[in-house]
């Protein structure tokens, strides 16, 4: 039957060091389906130096 390569959208790579699991193909499929395959990636969606304090912020319930 051979080595397992994909299972439920998860890529499986086996080596003498162990097993590596990746959802890269799944993520690419989602980006393609939503028309975002050519979007510009960013490392951090917000300023990493912002200190978040519970109970404070711009979010308010109406």
N, C-alpha and C. Protein backbone atom coordinates (compact mmCIF):
# COMPACT_ATOMS: atom_id res chain seq x y z
N UNK A 1 0.81 -1.18 0.00
CA UNK A 1 0.00 0.00 0.00
C UNK A 1 0.87 1.26 0.00
N UNK A 2 2.03 1.24 0.58
CA UNK A 2 2.93 2.38 0.56
C UNK A 2 2.80 3.27 1.78
N UNK A 3 3.71 4.26 1.86
CA UNK A 3 3.68 5.20 2.98
C UNK A 3 2.55 6.19 2.82
N UNK A 4 1.99 6.59 3.94
CA UNK A 4 0.91 7.56 3.97
C UNK A 4 1.47 8.95 3.67
N UNK A 5 0.86 9.67 2.69
CA UNK A 5 1.33 11.01 2.34
C UNK A 5 0.32 12.08 2.72
N UNK A 6 -0.97 11.80 2.54
CA UNK A 6 -2.03 12.75 2.89
C UNK A 6 -3.13 12.02 3.64
N UNK A 7 -3.68 12.66 4.66
CA UNK A 7 -4.80 12.09 5.41
C UNK A 7 -5.64 13.24 5.94
N UNK A 8 -6.89 13.30 5.52
CA UNK A 8 -7.83 14.35 5.94
C UNK A 8 -7.25 15.75 5.75
N UNK A 9 -6.57 15.99 4.62
CA UNK A 9 -6.02 17.30 4.32
C UNK A 9 -4.70 17.61 4.99
N UNK A 10 -4.16 16.66 5.72
CA UNK A 10 -2.88 16.86 6.41
C UNK A 10 -1.80 16.09 5.66
N UNK A 11 -0.72 16.79 5.31
CA UNK A 11 0.42 16.15 4.65
C UNK A 11 1.29 15.49 5.72
N UNK A 12 1.72 14.28 5.43
CA UNK A 12 2.52 13.51 6.38
C UNK A 12 3.86 13.17 5.73
N UNK A 13 4.95 13.58 6.36
CA UNK A 13 6.29 13.28 5.87
C UNK A 13 7.01 12.45 6.93
N UNK A 14 7.43 11.26 6.53
CA UNK A 14 8.11 10.36 7.45
C UNK A 14 9.59 10.30 7.11
N UNK A 15 10.43 10.29 8.15
CA UNK A 15 11.87 10.14 7.97
C UNK A 15 12.41 9.31 9.12
N UNK A 16 13.71 9.09 9.11
CA UNK A 16 14.33 8.33 10.20
C UNK A 16 14.29 9.11 11.52
N UNK A 17 14.08 10.44 11.43
CA UNK A 17 14.03 11.28 12.64
C UNK A 17 12.64 11.32 13.26
N UNK A 18 11.61 10.96 12.48
CA UNK A 18 10.25 11.00 13.00
C UNK A 18 9.24 11.32 11.93
N UNK A 19 8.13 11.89 12.35
CA UNK A 19 7.02 12.22 11.45
C UNK A 19 6.74 13.71 11.54
N UNK A 20 6.55 14.35 10.39
CA UNK A 20 6.20 15.77 10.34
C UNK A 20 4.81 15.90 9.73
N UNK A 21 3.96 16.72 10.35
CA UNK A 21 2.62 16.96 9.86
C UNK A 21 2.53 18.41 9.38
N UNK A 22 1.85 18.62 8.25
CA UNK A 22 1.73 19.97 7.70
C UNK A 22 0.34 20.17 7.10
N UNK A 23 -0.23 21.35 7.29
CA UNK A 23 -1.51 21.69 6.70
C UNK A 23 -1.33 22.76 5.62
N UNK A 24 -0.14 22.83 5.02
CA UNK A 24 0.16 23.82 3.99
C UNK A 24 -0.82 23.73 2.82
N UNK A 25 -1.05 22.52 2.30
CA UNK A 25 -1.95 22.35 1.17
C UNK A 25 -3.36 22.80 1.54
N UNK A 26 -3.82 22.47 2.72
CA UNK A 26 -5.15 22.87 3.18
C UNK A 26 -5.26 24.40 3.22
N UNK A 27 -4.24 25.06 3.76
CA UNK A 27 -4.24 26.52 3.83
C UNK A 27 -4.23 27.13 2.43
N UNK A 28 -3.44 26.58 1.52
CA UNK A 28 -3.39 27.08 0.15
C UNK A 28 -4.73 26.88 -0.55
N UNK A 29 -5.38 25.75 -0.31
CA UNK A 29 -6.70 25.49 -0.90
C UNK A 29 -7.72 26.52 -0.43
N UNK A 30 -7.70 26.87 0.86
CA UNK A 30 -8.62 27.87 1.40
C UNK A 30 -8.34 29.24 0.77
N UNK A 31 -7.07 29.61 0.66
CA UNK A 31 -6.72 30.89 0.04
C UNK A 31 -7.18 30.94 -1.41
N UNK A 32 -7.04 29.83 -2.13
CA UNK A 32 -7.47 29.78 -3.52
C UNK A 32 -9.00 29.90 -3.63
N UNK A 33 -9.71 29.18 -2.79
CA UNK A 33 -11.18 29.21 -2.81
C UNK A 33 -11.74 30.60 -2.51
N UNK A 34 -11.05 31.36 -1.67
CA UNK A 34 -11.53 32.68 -1.28
C UNK A 34 -10.94 33.81 -2.13
N UNK A 35 -10.15 33.45 -3.15
CA UNK A 35 -9.56 34.45 -4.03
C UNK A 35 -8.45 35.24 -3.39
N UNK A 36 -7.82 34.69 -2.37
CA UNK A 36 -6.77 35.41 -1.65
C UNK A 36 -5.39 34.78 -1.83
N UNK A 37 -5.25 33.95 -2.87
CA UNK A 37 -3.98 33.26 -3.08
C UNK A 37 -2.83 34.23 -3.36
N UNK A 38 -3.14 35.37 -3.99
CA UNK A 38 -2.11 36.35 -4.32
C UNK A 38 -2.05 37.50 -3.32
N UNK A 39 -2.64 37.32 -2.13
CA UNK A 39 -2.64 38.39 -1.14
C UNK A 39 -1.22 38.61 -0.59
N UNK A 40 -1.02 39.79 -0.03
CA UNK A 40 0.28 40.14 0.53
C UNK A 40 0.34 39.65 1.98
N UNK A 41 1.24 38.75 2.30
CA UNK A 41 1.33 38.26 3.69
C UNK A 41 1.98 39.28 4.62
N UNK A 42 1.62 39.22 5.89
CA UNK A 42 2.25 40.04 6.92
C UNK A 42 2.66 39.14 8.07
N UNK A 43 3.74 39.49 8.73
CA UNK A 43 4.22 38.70 9.86
C UNK A 43 3.33 38.87 11.09
N UNK A 44 2.95 40.11 11.38
CA UNK A 44 2.16 40.41 12.56
C UNK A 44 1.03 41.35 12.17
N UNK A 45 -0.21 41.00 12.44
CA UNK A 45 -1.32 41.86 12.04
C UNK A 45 -1.48 43.12 12.88
N UNK A 46 -0.71 43.27 13.94
CA UNK A 46 -0.80 44.48 14.76
C UNK A 46 0.57 44.78 15.37
N UNK A 47 0.70 45.94 15.95
CA UNK A 47 1.95 46.35 16.58
C UNK A 47 2.29 45.40 17.74
N UNK A 48 3.44 44.73 17.69
CA UNK A 48 3.79 43.77 18.74
C UNK A 48 4.10 44.42 20.09
N UNK A 49 4.27 45.75 20.12
CA UNK A 49 4.61 46.44 21.37
C UNK A 49 3.40 46.95 22.13
N UNK A 50 2.20 46.77 21.58
CA UNK A 50 0.98 47.23 22.25
C UNK A 50 0.72 46.35 23.47
N UNK A 51 0.49 46.99 24.61
CA UNK A 51 0.17 46.27 25.85
C UNK A 51 -1.35 46.20 25.99
N UNK A 52 -1.89 45.01 26.03
CA UNK A 52 -3.33 44.83 26.15
C UNK A 52 -3.70 44.65 27.62
N UNK A 53 -4.67 45.43 28.07
CA UNK A 53 -5.10 45.39 29.46
C UNK A 53 -6.59 45.05 29.47
N UNK A 54 -6.99 44.01 30.19
CA UNK A 54 -8.41 43.64 30.23
C UNK A 54 -9.27 44.80 30.73
N UNK A 55 -10.42 45.00 30.07
CA UNK A 55 -11.35 46.05 30.49
C UNK A 55 -11.07 47.41 29.88
N UNK A 56 -9.96 47.57 29.17
CA UNK A 56 -9.64 48.84 28.54
C UNK A 56 -9.54 48.63 27.04
N UNK A 57 -9.87 49.65 26.28
CA UNK A 57 -9.74 49.54 24.84
C UNK A 57 -10.87 50.22 24.11
N UNK A 58 -10.84 50.11 22.80
CA UNK A 58 -11.80 50.80 21.96
C UNK A 58 -13.11 50.02 21.82
N UNK A 59 -13.12 48.75 22.14
CA UNK A 59 -14.33 47.94 21.97
C UNK A 59 -15.36 48.31 23.03
N UNK A 60 -16.54 48.66 22.57
CA UNK A 60 -17.63 49.00 23.49
C UNK A 60 -18.89 48.30 23.02
N UNK A 61 -19.64 47.79 23.95
CA UNK A 61 -20.93 47.18 23.61
C UNK A 61 -21.97 48.27 23.46
N UNK A 62 -22.87 48.09 22.48
CA UNK A 62 -23.92 49.10 22.29
C UNK A 62 -25.24 48.68 22.89
